[in-house]
Amino acid sequence: MKKFSVWILLMILCLAGCTKESSQGEEKQSSASSSSQANELVFASESEFAGLNPLLEETNLDAFLFRGLMRFDEHNVPVFDMAKSIQISDDQMTYTIVINDHVLFHDGQALTVDDIIFTIESILDDANGSYLKSDFIHVTGMKKIDDSTMTIQLDEPFTPMLDKLTVPILPKHAFEGQEMRTASFNQQPIGAGPYRFEQWDKGTSLTLKAFPTFYGTKASIEQVIFKFIPDSNVRALQLKSGEVDIALLDPNQVEELSKVERLKMYEVESADYRGVLFNMKYPIWKDVSLRKAISYATDRAGIVKGILHGYGTEAYSPLQQHNFVNEKIEHYTYDVKKANKLLEQAGWQLADDGFRYKDGQKLTFTITAPITDTVRVNMANYVAEGYKAVGADVKVAALDWSNIVIEETEAFMVGWGSPYDADHHTYSLFHSGESSLTSAGYNYGSYANAKVDALLEEGRTTVDPEQRKKVYMALQEELAQDPPFAYFAYVDAVYGIDKQINGVKERILGHHGAGFLWNVEEWKWNDR
């Protein structure tokens, strides 16, 4: 019995030792797995880019790859970035700029004022068709004093100039012997930002690497991957499963994903509005009474509650989130009776089929929306049904972006807005000279109003803040009386992020959550 007891004791001790070794091995394996976790950020991108040249198209990569003389801070105010100092002459027409003398491009070459002059000249060159041209049309000359000092001469005071100097600076040497529109740079860019271009797997993802000799705050996250996921439901599923670390969510996805322990929701105010763009190329929209009637027939409260789930506010102006907002203009509060009265007065008669006709023409039009944007499609379907109450037969065309030419649509579910200077995304949207048919501007509806043009021009060159505010308040009044859009709602941006990421600084965002990544070099993982 003693021998048997000793044998049992030895077996117990042996098993305990094995269990301990196994436990220690598991701990080591778990530790190794944790330590091998990549220090990377995977971002679910709603769409892929045609190119990465910031002078030719807008992407959400600018904060990663590029830097400008100025940069918007967390209050959306322009502050010095690559500029060490900027002196403005008493007449507001000469800017003397001194830049930081230790800024390097990603290929190791020093950034000088030659690159700044090249960038602005490229914007102004019609051959390049830059959408930024109207931002620099008051520049009449630039002079290099030395590698770090230059002057910019204007033909008259241009109040938003410091905002415009946030434009990304491109390396002159990268375009030698190449046309900007077809340059290899557009697919493999060289910037001076906290991240450098690494790899672009077309149709799948784009990879950026931290730039170790960035002149500012060095990026803590070593690698950022933009994963192209056009379907919002797939983005939400991959965020939930951990395949991506951050995604902009549709309002109807927020409640479910808020329950995921690993995630944190950021609900951020935005200057991002939705609405229907009236294409003035089509004779139907020449009738301002019809445009006003459509605005009155839009149930904005239903959109905010039913489609945005409360993540937004009713819209009535493109400057609603700006200090210059004019709250006294017509809000076009939902009023079917008023809409019907306007249509009657304009000669649109109600027929037995429930629809209105004028001179034998039926009141009908199609709203086009990008099929991958479920919020826009849902809004279009909702109002199309609602417009039946005023006798309008409205159809919805939900199409892939590859099949959409906004200038050719009768009406388009537009998404726009800017948290910056009042000139930003008003001049390029509503000035007749910015028609996308004749320029690289954003006036897709060929809207033309001489009074609006004059106010937009005056707003750019007015220096006194109070007088400038009066100009933009008058602009909003005129846009309300002659509406280019039927405004629906401002959409709050809701991002779902892995809660182990910290360093996010919120600010009022632009179109489709633009600007959320503005300080990404300060982000870091708590556990990596």
Protein backbone atom coordinates (compact mmCIF):
# COMPACT_ATOMS: atom_id res chain seq x y z
CA MET A 1 0.00 0.00 0.00
CA LYS A 2 2.91 2.37 0.83
CA LYS A 3 4.51 1.62 -2.54
CA PHE A 4 1.18 2.23 -4.27
CA SER A 5 0.66 5.52 -2.40
CA VAL A 6 4.14 6.70 -3.33
CA TRP A 7 3.44 5.78 -6.95
CA ILE A 8 0.18 7.75 -6.89
CA LEU A 9 1.96 10.74 -5.36
CA LEU A 10 4.65 10.65 -8.02
CA MET A 11 1.98 10.51 -10.75
CA ILE A 12 0.20 13.53 -9.26
CA LEU A 13 3.43 15.51 -9.07
CA CYS A 14 4.29 14.54 -12.64
CA LEU A 15 0.87 15.57 -13.92
CA ALA A 16 1.09 18.85 -12.02
CA GLY A 17 4.48 19.53 -13.58
CA CYS A 18 3.19 18.76 -17.06
CA THR A 19 0.17 20.95 -16.48
CA LYS A 20 2.42 23.76 -15.29
CA GLU A 21 4.69 23.39 -18.32
CA SER A 22 1.66 23.28 -20.61
CA SER A 23 0.22 26.38 -18.96
CA GLN A 24 3.54 28.21 -19.23
CA GLY A 25 3.80 27.16 -22.87
CA GLU A 26 0.32 28.50 -23.58
CA GLU A 27 1.20 31.76 -21.84
CA LYS A 28 4.36 32.06 -23.94
CA GLN A 29 2.41 31.26 -27.10
CA SER A 30 -0.27 33.82 -26.20
CA SER A 31 2.40 36.40 -25.42
CA ALA A 32 4.18 35.69 -28.69
CA SER A 33 0.92 36.00 -30.58
CA SER A 34 0.20 39.33 -28.91
CA SER A 35 3.67 40.72 -29.54
CA SER A 36 3.55 39.70 -33.20
CA GLN A 37 0.33 41.64 -33.75
CA ALA A 38 1.02 44.12 -36.54
CA ASN A 39 1.23 47.80 -35.67
CA GLU A 40 -1.10 48.74 -38.52
CA LEU A 41 -4.44 50.42 -39.11
CA VAL A 42 -6.92 49.01 -41.62
CA PHE A 43 -9.42 51.61 -42.83
CA ALA A 44 -12.59 50.61 -44.70
CA SER A 45 -12.65 52.97 -47.68
CA GLU A 46 -16.01 53.58 -49.34
CA SER A 47 -14.47 53.84 -52.78
CA GLU A 48 -11.26 53.51 -54.72
CA PHE A 49 -9.50 56.51 -56.22
CA ALA A 50 -8.83 57.16 -59.88
CA GLY A 51 -5.51 58.74 -58.94
CA LEU A 52 -3.64 60.19 -55.99
CA ASN A 53 -2.66 63.62 -57.30
CA PRO A 54 -4.33 66.10 -54.89
CA LEU A 55 -4.39 68.83 -57.53
CA LEU A 56 -6.56 66.70 -59.78
CA GLU A 57 -8.98 65.03 -57.39
CA GLU A 58 -9.98 64.96 -53.75
CA THR A 59 -9.22 61.86 -51.68
CA ASN A 60 -9.04 61.18 -47.94
CA LEU A 61 -5.30 60.48 -48.22
CA ASP A 62 -4.07 64.06 -48.16
CA ALA A 63 -3.46 64.13 -44.40
CA PHE A 64 -1.26 61.03 -44.78
CA LEU A 65 0.77 61.72 -47.90
CA PHE A 66 1.02 65.48 -48.21
CA ARG A 67 1.52 68.75 -46.39
CA GLY A 68 0.92 72.39 -47.25
CA LEU A 69 2.18 75.77 -46.09
CA MET A 70 -0.84 75.90 -43.80
CA ARG A 71 -2.91 73.21 -42.13
CA PHE A 72 -6.38 73.16 -40.57
CA ASP A 73 -6.30 72.60 -36.81
CA GLU A 74 -8.95 70.93 -34.64
CA HIS A 75 -11.08 74.08 -34.92
CA ASN A 76 -10.77 74.08 -38.74
CA VAL A 77 -8.68 77.24 -38.55
CA PRO A 78 -5.59 77.43 -40.82
CA VAL A 79 -2.32 77.40 -38.85
CA PHE A 80 1.32 77.23 -39.93
CA ASP A 81 2.50 73.87 -41.18
CA MET A 82 5.49 73.98 -43.54
CA ALA A 83 5.42 77.77 -43.36
CA LYS A 84 7.60 79.26 -40.64
CA SER A 85 6.10 82.70 -41.15
CA ILE A 86 3.76 84.56 -43.50
CA GLN A 87 3.70 88.34 -43.63
CA ILE A 88 0.78 90.06 -45.35
CA SER A 89 1.26 93.58 -46.71
CA ASP A 90 -0.96 96.44 -45.56
CA ASP A 91 -2.85 96.39 -48.87
CA GLN A 92 -3.47 92.61 -48.39
CA MET A 93 -2.00 91.81 -51.80
CA THR A 94 1.56 90.64 -51.09
CA TYR A 95 2.30 87.52 -49.04
CA THR A 96 5.93 87.02 -47.98
CA ILE A 97 6.44 83.39 -47.03
CA VAL A 98 9.33 81.73 -45.20
CA ILE A 99 9.23 77.93 -45.06
CA ASN A 100 10.73 75.38 -42.73
CA ASP A 101 14.17 74.57 -44.14
CA HIS A 102 14.32 70.90 -43.14
CA VAL A 103 11.26 69.47 -44.90
CA LEU A 104 11.96 66.39 -47.01
CA PHE A 105 9.93 64.68 -49.67
CA HIS A 106 9.51 60.91 -49.38
CA ASP A 107 12.29 60.37 -51.91
CA GLY A 108 14.72 62.27 -49.67
CA GLN A 109 14.90 65.48 -51.68
CA ALA A 110 14.48 68.78 -49.85
CA LEU A 111 11.28 70.77 -50.33
CA THR A 112 11.98 74.35 -51.45
CA VAL A 113 9.97 77.34 -52.64
CA ASP A 114 10.53 76.07 -56.21
CA ASP A 115 8.08 73.28 -55.36
CA ILE A 116 5.53 75.74 -53.98
CA ILE A 117 5.74 77.90 -57.10
CA PHE A 118 5.48 74.79 -59.29
CA THR A 119 2.38 73.59 -57.40
CA ILE A 120 0.48 76.88 -57.73
CA GLU A 121 1.52 77.30 -61.37
CA SER A 122 0.29 73.76 -62.06
CA ILE A 123 -3.08 74.59 -60.51
CA LEU A 124 -3.41 77.67 -62.71
CA ASP A 125 -2.33 75.86 -65.89
CA ASP A 126 -5.48 75.12 -67.91
CA ALA A 127 -3.78 72.10 -69.46
CA ASN A 128 -3.94 70.36 -66.08
CA GLY A 129 -7.64 71.04 -65.47
CA SER A 130 -7.21 71.37 -61.72
CA TYR A 131 -10.44 71.69 -59.75
CA LEU A 132 -8.53 74.10 -57.48
CA LYS A 133 -7.97 76.77 -60.11
CA SER A 134 -10.61 79.17 -58.79
CA ASP A 135 -8.79 79.15 -55.43
CA PHE A 136 -5.77 80.85 -56.99
CA ILE A 137 -7.18 83.03 -59.78
CA HIS A 138 -6.18 86.20 -57.90
CA VAL A 139 -2.49 85.20 -57.96
CA THR A 140 -0.72 87.41 -60.51
CA GLY A 141 2.88 86.51 -59.74
CA MET A 142 5.30 84.61 -57.51
CA LYS A 143 8.93 85.42 -56.82
CA LYS A 144 11.66 83.25 -55.33
CA ILE A 145 13.97 85.14 -52.96
CA ASP A 146 15.93 82.08 -51.85
CA ASP A 147 15.24 78.37 -51.29
CA SER A 148 13.15 79.10 -48.19
CA THR A 149 11.66 82.54 -48.94
CA MET A 150 9.20 83.71 -51.60
CA THR A 151 6.42 86.18 -52.29
CA ILE A 152 2.96 85.73 -53.76
CA GLN A 153 1.37 88.75 -55.44
CA LEU A 154 -2.41 89.13 -55.77
CA ASP A 155 -4.42 91.44 -58.02
CA GLU A 156 -6.75 92.36 -55.12
CA PRO A 157 -7.27 91.30 -51.49
CA PHE A 158 -8.30 87.66 -51.24
CA THR A 159 -9.54 86.90 -47.72
CA PRO A 160 -9.54 83.05 -47.90
CA MET A 161 -5.89 82.97 -49.06
CA LEU A 162 -4.55 81.33 -45.90
CA ASP A 163 -7.19 78.62 -46.24
CA LYS A 164 -6.13 78.03 -49.82
CA LEU A 165 -2.47 77.71 -48.78
CA THR A 166 -3.34 74.40 -47.11
CA VAL A 167 -3.05 72.96 -50.64
CA PRO A 168 -0.63 69.97 -50.74
CA ILE A 169 2.79 70.85 -52.15
CA LEU A 170 4.05 68.59 -54.93
CA PRO A 171 7.71 67.92 -55.89
CA LYS A 172 8.65 69.71 -59.08
CA HIS A 173 11.36 67.18 -59.91
CA ALA A 174 8.84 64.31 -59.99
CA PHE A 175 7.12 65.78 -63.06
CA GLU A 176 10.14 66.57 -65.23
CA GLY A 177 9.45 65.51 -68.80
CA GLN A 178 5.88 64.44 -68.00
CA GLU A 179 2.40 65.88 -68.45
CA MET A 180 0.65 66.24 -65.10
CA ARG A 181 -2.53 64.49 -66.21
CA THR A 182 -0.66 61.35 -67.30
CA ALA A 183 2.36 61.43 -64.94
CA SER A 184 3.39 58.28 -63.10
CA PHE A 185 3.17 60.37 -59.93
CA ASN A 186 -0.62 60.08 -60.04
CA GLN A 187 -0.37 56.36 -59.30
CA GLN A 188 2.78 56.43 -57.16
CA PRO A 189 2.81 59.81 -55.40
CA ILE A 190 5.68 61.45 -53.57
CA GLY A 191 4.64 63.77 -50.78
CA ALA A 192 6.07 65.25 -47.61
CA GLY A 193 3.48 63.94 -45.15
CA PRO A 194 3.79 61.55 -42.19
CA TYR A 195 3.17 58.51 -44.42
CA ARG A 196 4.67 57.52 -47.76
CA PHE A 197 3.16 55.54 -50.59
CA GLU A 198 4.02 51.82 -50.45
CA GLN A 199 1.74 49.76 -52.69
CA TRP A 200 -1.56 49.97 -54.58
CA ASP A 201 -3.32 46.70 -55.34
CA LYS A 202 -5.98 47.97 -57.73
CA GLY A 203 -9.47 46.93 -56.75
CA THR A 204 -8.35 45.69 -53.34
CA SER A 205 -6.28 47.99 -51.15
CA LEU A 206 -3.67 50.72 -50.87
CA THR A 207 -0.82 50.56 -48.35
CA LEU A 208 1.06 53.44 -46.73
CA LYS A 209 4.14 53.28 -44.50
CA ALA A 210 5.23 55.69 -41.79
CA PHE A 211 7.82 58.19 -43.08
CA PRO A 212 10.68 58.09 -40.54
CA THR A 213 12.16 61.49 -41.45
CA PHE A 214 8.87 63.42 -41.40
CA TYR A 215 9.59 66.92 -40.08
CA GLY A 216 6.58 66.98 -37.74
CA THR A 217 5.14 64.47 -35.29
CA LYS A 218 6.36 61.02 -36.31
CA ALA A 219 3.60 58.50 -36.93
CA SER A 220 3.16 55.90 -34.18
CA ILE A 221 1.23 53.45 -36.34
CA GLU A 222 3.72 51.95 -38.77
CA GLN A 223 1.38 50.96 -41.58
CA VAL A 224 -2.03 52.11 -42.80
CA ILE A 225 -4.07 50.06 -45.25
CA PHE A 226 -7.02 51.52 -47.14
CA LYS A 227 -9.24 48.56 -47.95
CA PHE A 228 -11.70 49.33 -50.75
CA ILE A 229 -15.18 48.18 -49.68
CA PRO A 230 -17.96 49.98 -51.61
CA ASP A 231 -20.79 48.03 -49.95
CA SER A 232 -21.70 49.64 -46.61
CA ASN A 233 -23.05 46.35 -45.22
CA VAL A 234 -19.77 44.58 -45.98
CA ARG A 235 -17.86 47.43 -44.30
CA ALA A 236 -19.99 47.02 -41.18
CA LEU A 237 -19.53 43.23 -41.13
CA GLN A 238 -15.76 43.51 -41.49
CA LEU A 239 -15.61 46.12 -38.74
CA LYS A 240 -17.60 43.80 -36.48
CA SER A 241 -15.36 40.82 -37.26
CA GLY A 242 -12.15 42.81 -36.80
CA GLU A 243 -11.05 42.57 -40.45
CA VAL A 244 -10.95 46.38 -40.50
CA ASP A 245 -10.21 48.71 -37.58
CA ILE A 246 -12.22 51.77 -38.60
CA ALA A 247 -15.23 52.46 -40.83
CA LEU A 248 -17.75 55.21 -41.50
CA LEU A 249 -21.14 53.71 -40.68
CA ASP A 250 -24.61 54.14 -42.08
CA PRO A 251 -27.01 55.43 -39.41
CA ASN A 252 -28.97 52.17 -39.35
CA GLN A 253 -25.81 50.21 -38.47
CA VAL A 254 -24.83 52.19 -35.39
CA GLU A 255 -27.12 50.58 -32.82
CA GLU A 256 -25.98 47.02 -33.54
CA LEU A 257 -22.28 47.83 -33.72
CA SER A 258 -22.49 49.86 -30.51
CA LYS A 259 -23.03 46.53 -28.74
CA VAL A 260 -19.67 45.16 -29.92
CA GLU A 261 -17.39 45.33 -26.88
CA ARG A 262 -14.25 45.82 -28.97
CA LEU A 263 -15.57 48.94 -30.70
CA LYS A 264 -16.07 52.58 -29.81
CA MET A 265 -18.49 54.86 -31.66
CA TYR A 266 -17.53 58.43 -32.56
CA GLU A 267 -20.55 60.57 -33.48
CA VAL A 268 -19.09 63.74 -35.01
CA GLU A 269 -20.90 66.86 -36.15
CA SER A 270 -20.41 67.64 -39.82
CA ALA A 271 -20.99 70.32 -42.44
CA ASP A 272 -22.00 67.52 -44.80
CA TYR A 273 -25.43 67.98 -46.35
CA ARG A 274 -27.61 65.94 -48.70
CA GLY A 275 -30.16 67.16 -51.18
CA VAL A 276 -31.36 67.07 -54.76
CA LEU A 277 -29.37 69.01 -57.36
CA PHE A 278 -31.54 70.53 -60.09
CA ASN A 279 -29.79 70.26 -63.46
CA MET A 280 -30.52 73.57 -65.15
CA LYS A 281 -29.71 72.11 -68.58
CA TYR A 282 -33.21 70.58 -68.46
CA PRO A 283 -35.99 73.09 -69.25
CA ILE A 284 -38.20 71.74 -66.45
CA TRP A 285 -35.95 73.39 -63.83
CA LYS A 286 -36.01 76.83 -65.42
CA ASP A 287 -39.28 77.24 -63.52
CA VAL A 288 -38.23 78.54 -60.09
CA SER A 289 -41.75 77.90 -58.73
CA LEU A 290 -41.30 74.21 -59.46
CA ARG A 291 -37.96 74.12 -57.64
CA LYS A 292 -39.53 75.87 -54.65
CA ALA A 293 -42.50 73.50 -54.71
CA ILE A 294 -40.21 70.47 -54.64
CA SER A 295 -38.41 72.01 -51.66
CA TYR A 296 -41.69 72.52 -49.80
CA ALA A 297 -42.76 68.97 -50.64
CA THR A 298 -39.64 67.48 -49.01
CA ASP A 299 -40.29 65.88 -45.63
CA ARG A 300 -36.97 66.67 -43.94
CA ALA A 301 -38.13 65.65 -40.47
CA GLY A 302 -39.06 62.22 -41.83
CA ILE A 303 -35.62 61.91 -43.43
CA VAL A 304 -33.77 62.81 -40.22
CA LYS A 305 -35.88 60.50 -38.08
CA GLY A 306 -36.51 57.58 -40.39
CA ILE A 307 -33.37 57.40 -42.54
CA LEU A 308 -30.70 59.09 -40.42
CA HIS A 309 -32.10 57.68 -37.15
CA GLY A 310 -31.57 61.08 -35.57
CA TYR A 311 -27.93 61.38 -36.66
CA GLY A 312 -28.42 64.68 -38.43
CA THR A 313 -30.42 67.88 -38.71
CA GLU A 314 -32.79 69.38 -41.27
CA ALA A 315 -31.00 71.45 -43.92
CA TYR A 316 -31.91 74.73 -45.58
CA SER A 317 -28.56 76.40 -46.43
CA PRO A 318 -25.06 75.45 -47.63
CA LEU A 319 -23.60 77.56 -44.79
CA GLN A 320 -25.76 76.25 -41.99
CA GLN A 321 -22.76 75.10 -39.94
CA HIS A 322 -20.83 78.32 -40.49
CA ASN A 323 -20.55 81.49 -38.40
CA PHE A 324 -22.09 83.35 -41.34
CA VAL A 325 -25.31 81.29 -41.33
CA ASN A 326 -28.45 83.25 -42.16
CA GLU A 327 -31.18 81.70 -40.03
CA LYS A 328 -33.82 84.12 -41.35
CA ILE A 329 -33.96 82.77 -44.88
CA GLU A 330 -36.79 80.54 -46.08
CA HIS A 331 -36.31 77.07 -44.54
CA TYR A 332 -38.81 75.37 -46.86
CA THR A 333 -40.53 73.64 -43.97
CA TYR A 334 -42.60 70.68 -45.16
CA ASP A 335 -45.84 72.14 -46.55
CA VAL A 336 -47.73 70.16 -49.22
CA LYS A 337 -50.47 72.79 -49.48
CA LYS A 338 -47.99 75.54 -50.24
CA ALA A 339 -46.23 73.30 -52.78
CA ASN A 340 -49.51 72.53 -54.56
CA LYS A 341 -50.46 76.21 -54.61
CA LEU A 342 -47.13 77.15 -56.23
CA LEU A 343 -47.58 74.47 -58.87
CA GLU A 344 -51.13 75.60 -59.64
CA GLN A 345 -49.95 79.19 -60.02
CA ALA A 346 -47.15 78.05 -62.32
CA GLY A 347 -49.63 76.32 -64.62
CA TRP A 348 -49.10 72.71 -63.55
CA GLN A 349 -52.62 71.28 -63.59
CA LEU A 350 -53.66 68.12 -61.75
CA ALA A 351 -55.11 65.42 -64.05
CA ASP A 352 -57.35 62.42 -63.32
CA ASP A 353 -54.32 60.12 -63.09
CA GLY A 354 -53.11 62.03 -60.02
CA PHE A 355 -50.20 63.71 -61.79
CA ARG A 356 -49.71 67.28 -62.99
CA TYR A 357 -49.31 68.44 -66.57
CA LYS A 358 -48.32 71.71 -68.24
CA ASP A 359 -48.58 72.35 -71.97
CA GLY A 360 -49.00 68.61 -72.47
CA GLN A 361 -45.85 67.79 -70.50
CA LYS A 362 -46.12 65.54 -67.47
CA LEU A 363 -44.44 66.60 -64.24
CA THR A 364 -41.91 63.82 -64.10
CA PHE A 365 -38.19 63.52 -63.53
CA THR A 366 -35.59 61.01 -62.36
CA ILE A 367 -33.35 61.36 -59.32
CA THR A 368 -30.02 59.57 -59.80
CA ALA A 369 -28.13 58.26 -56.77
CA PRO A 370 -24.98 56.12 -56.35
CA ILE A 371 -26.14 52.59 -55.59
CA THR A 372 -23.35 51.96 -53.08
CA ASP A 373 -24.55 54.87 -50.93
CA THR A 374 -27.61 53.36 -49.25
CA VAL A 375 -28.41 56.57 -47.36
CA ARG A 376 -28.66 58.59 -50.57
CA VAL A 377 -30.68 55.86 -52.29
CA ASN A 378 -33.06 55.63 -49.33
CA MET A 379 -33.50 59.40 -49.29
CA ALA A 380 -34.22 59.45 -53.03
CA ASN A 381 -36.82 56.68 -52.74
CA TYR A 382 -38.45 58.35 -49.74
CA VAL A 383 -38.91 61.74 -51.40
CA ALA A 384 -39.89 60.19 -54.74
CA GLU A 385 -42.82 58.55 -52.99
CA GLY A 386 -43.58 61.74 -51.08
CA TYR A 387 -43.62 63.93 -54.20
CA LYS A 388 -46.69 62.05 -55.42
CA ALA A 389 -48.63 64.20 -52.94
CA VAL A 390 -47.99 67.21 -55.19
CA GLY A 391 -48.65 65.35 -58.43
CA ALA A 392 -45.04 64.64 -59.43
CA ASP A 393 -44.14 61.31 -60.98
CA VAL A 394 -40.57 60.83 -59.75
CA LYS A 395 -38.37 57.84 -60.47
CA VAL A 396 -35.08 56.83 -58.86
CA ALA A 397 -32.06 55.54 -60.78
CA ALA A 398 -29.65 53.86 -58.38
CA LEU A 399 -26.51 53.36 -60.45
CA ASP A 400 -22.90 52.43 -60.00
CA TRP A 401 -20.60 55.46 -59.98
CA SER A 402 -19.03 54.18 -63.20
CA ASN A 403 -22.38 54.74 -64.91
CA ILE A 404 -23.07 58.20 -63.50
CA VAL A 405 -22.27 61.47 -65.25
CA ILE A 406 -23.76 64.05 -62.91
CA GLU A 407 -23.92 66.73 -65.63
CA GLU A 408 -26.25 64.46 -67.64
CA THR A 409 -28.70 63.58 -64.86
CA GLU A 410 -32.04 65.39 -64.54
CA ALA A 411 -31.63 65.55 -60.79
CA PHE A 412 -28.89 64.13 -58.59
CA MET A 413 -28.74 63.14 -54.92
CA VAL A 414 -25.87 65.42 -54.03
CA GLY A 415 -23.66 65.23 -50.96
CA TRP A 416 -21.58 68.27 -50.19
CA GLY A 417 -20.45 70.73 -47.56
CA SER A 418 -17.38 72.29 -45.98
CA PRO A 419 -16.40 73.29 -42.43
CA TYR A 420 -13.82 75.83 -43.68
CA ASP A 421 -14.05 79.39 -45.01
CA ALA A 422 -17.44 80.43 -46.40
CA ASP A 423 -15.88 80.61 -49.87
CA HIS A 424 -15.00 76.92 -49.79
CA HIS A 425 -17.50 74.78 -51.70
CA THR A 426 -19.80 77.70 -52.36
CA TYR A 427 -17.85 79.50 -55.08
CA SER A 428 -16.98 76.27 -56.90
CA LEU A 429 -20.56 74.95 -56.61
CA PHE A 430 -22.68 77.97 -57.44
CA HIS A 431 -20.62 80.42 -59.53
CA SER A 432 -21.60 80.22 -63.19
CA GLY A 433 -17.94 80.25 -64.22
CA GLU A 434 -17.49 76.97 -62.33
CA SER A 435 -19.85 74.94 -64.50
CA SER A 436 -18.33 71.50 -64.91
CA LEU A 437 -19.22 71.68 -68.60
CA THR A 438 -16.73 74.48 -69.19
CA SER A 439 -14.27 74.19 -66.27
CA ALA A 440 -13.01 71.80 -63.62
CA GLY A 441 -15.44 73.31 -61.10
CA TYR A 442 -18.20 71.56 -59.19
CA ASN A 443 -21.21 73.40 -60.63
CA TYR A 444 -22.62 70.18 -62.06
CA GLY A 445 -26.12 71.63 -62.48
CA SER A 446 -24.95 74.59 -64.63
CA TYR A 447 -26.61 76.93 -62.15
CA ALA A 448 -26.33 80.58 -63.23
CA ASN A 449 -27.46 83.62 -61.29
CA ALA A 450 -25.75 86.99 -61.87
CA LYS A 451 -26.51 88.20 -58.34
CA VAL A 452 -25.08 85.02 -56.83
CA ASP A 453 -21.94 85.40 -58.97
CA ALA A 454 -21.46 88.98 -57.80
CA LEU A 455 -21.94 88.07 -54.13
CA LEU A 456 -19.53 85.13 -54.36
CA GLU A 457 -16.91 87.39 -55.94
CA GLU A 458 -17.49 90.10 -53.34
CA GLY A 459 -17.29 87.61 -50.49
CA ARG A 460 -13.81 86.50 -51.57
CA THR A 461 -12.37 90.01 -51.70
CA THR A 462 -14.08 91.63 -48.71
CA VAL A 463 -11.64 91.99 -45.82
CA ASP A 464 -13.80 93.37 -42.99
CA PRO A 465 -15.37 90.36 -41.17
CA GLU A 466 -18.69 92.05 -40.44
CA GLN A 467 -19.12 93.27 -43.99
CA ARG A 468 -18.12 89.86 -45.27
CA LYS A 469 -20.77 88.23 -43.09
CA LYS A 470 -23.40 90.54 -44.61
CA VAL A 471 -22.31 89.47 -48.08
CA TYR A 472 -22.68 85.76 -47.30
CA MET A 473 -26.00 86.30 -45.55
CA ALA A 474 -27.24 88.03 -48.71
CA LEU A 475 -25.85 85.11 -50.75
CA GLN A 476 -27.90 82.63 -48.72
CA GLU A 477 -31.01 84.76 -49.20
CA GLU A 478 -30.55 84.74 -52.97
CA LEU A 479 -29.84 80.99 -53.06
CA ALA A 480 -33.05 80.43 -51.09
CA GLN A 481 -35.08 82.54 -53.55
CA ASP A 482 -33.51 80.86 -56.58
CA PRO A 483 -32.60 77.40 -55.24
CA PRO A 484 -29.96 75.32 -57.05
CA PHE A 485 -30.66 72.41 -54.66
CA ALA A 486 -33.52 71.16 -52.55
CA TYR A 487 -31.62 70.72 -49.27
CA PHE A 488 -32.58 67.68 -47.19
CA ALA A 489 -30.38 67.19 -44.14
CA TYR A 490 -26.95 67.58 -42.61
CA VAL A 491 -25.57 64.13 -41.81
CA ASP A 492 -23.56 63.51 -38.66
CA ALA A 493 -20.61 61.22 -39.27
CA VAL A 494 -20.54 58.09 -37.11
CA TYR A 495 -17.27 56.17 -37.14
CA GLY A 496 -16.82 52.80 -35.53
CA ILE A 497 -13.24 52.27 -34.32
CA ASP A 498 -11.36 49.64 -32.37
CA LYS A 499 -11.36 51.05 -28.84
CA GLN A 500 -7.65 50.27 -28.41
CA ILE A 501 -6.85 53.17 -30.77
CA ASN A 502 -6.33 56.49 -29.04
CA GLY A 503 -5.27 59.97 -30.12
CA VAL A 504 -8.37 60.76 -32.17
CA LYS A 505 -9.18 64.49 -32.10
CA GLU A 506 -12.67 65.39 -33.25
CA ARG A 507 -13.56 68.44 -35.30
CA ILE A 508 -16.50 69.44 -37.50
CA LEU A 509 -16.14 67.30 -40.59
CA GLY A 510 -16.70 67.82 -44.29
CA HIS A 511 -18.32 65.73 -47.00
CA HIS A 512 -18.72 62.03 -46.09
CA GLY A 513 -16.79 62.38 -42.87
CA ALA A 514 -13.82 64.04 -44.55
CA GLY A 515 -11.31 65.30 -42.02
CA PHE A 516 -11.69 62.59 -39.38
CA LEU A 517 -8.19 61.32 -40.15
CA TRP A 518 -6.62 64.77 -40.00
CA ASN A 519 -4.21 64.00 -37.09
CA VAL A 520 -3.61 60.31 -37.85
CA GLU A 521 0.11 60.61 -37.10
CA GLU A 522 -0.87 61.12 -33.43
CA TRP A 523 -2.97 57.95 -33.29
CA LYS A 524 -1.57 54.89 -31.56
CA TRP A 525 -2.58 51.45 -30.36
CA ASN A 526 -2.79 50.99 -26.61
CA ASP A 527 -1.79 47.33 -26.85
CA ARG A 528 0.88 47.35 -29.55
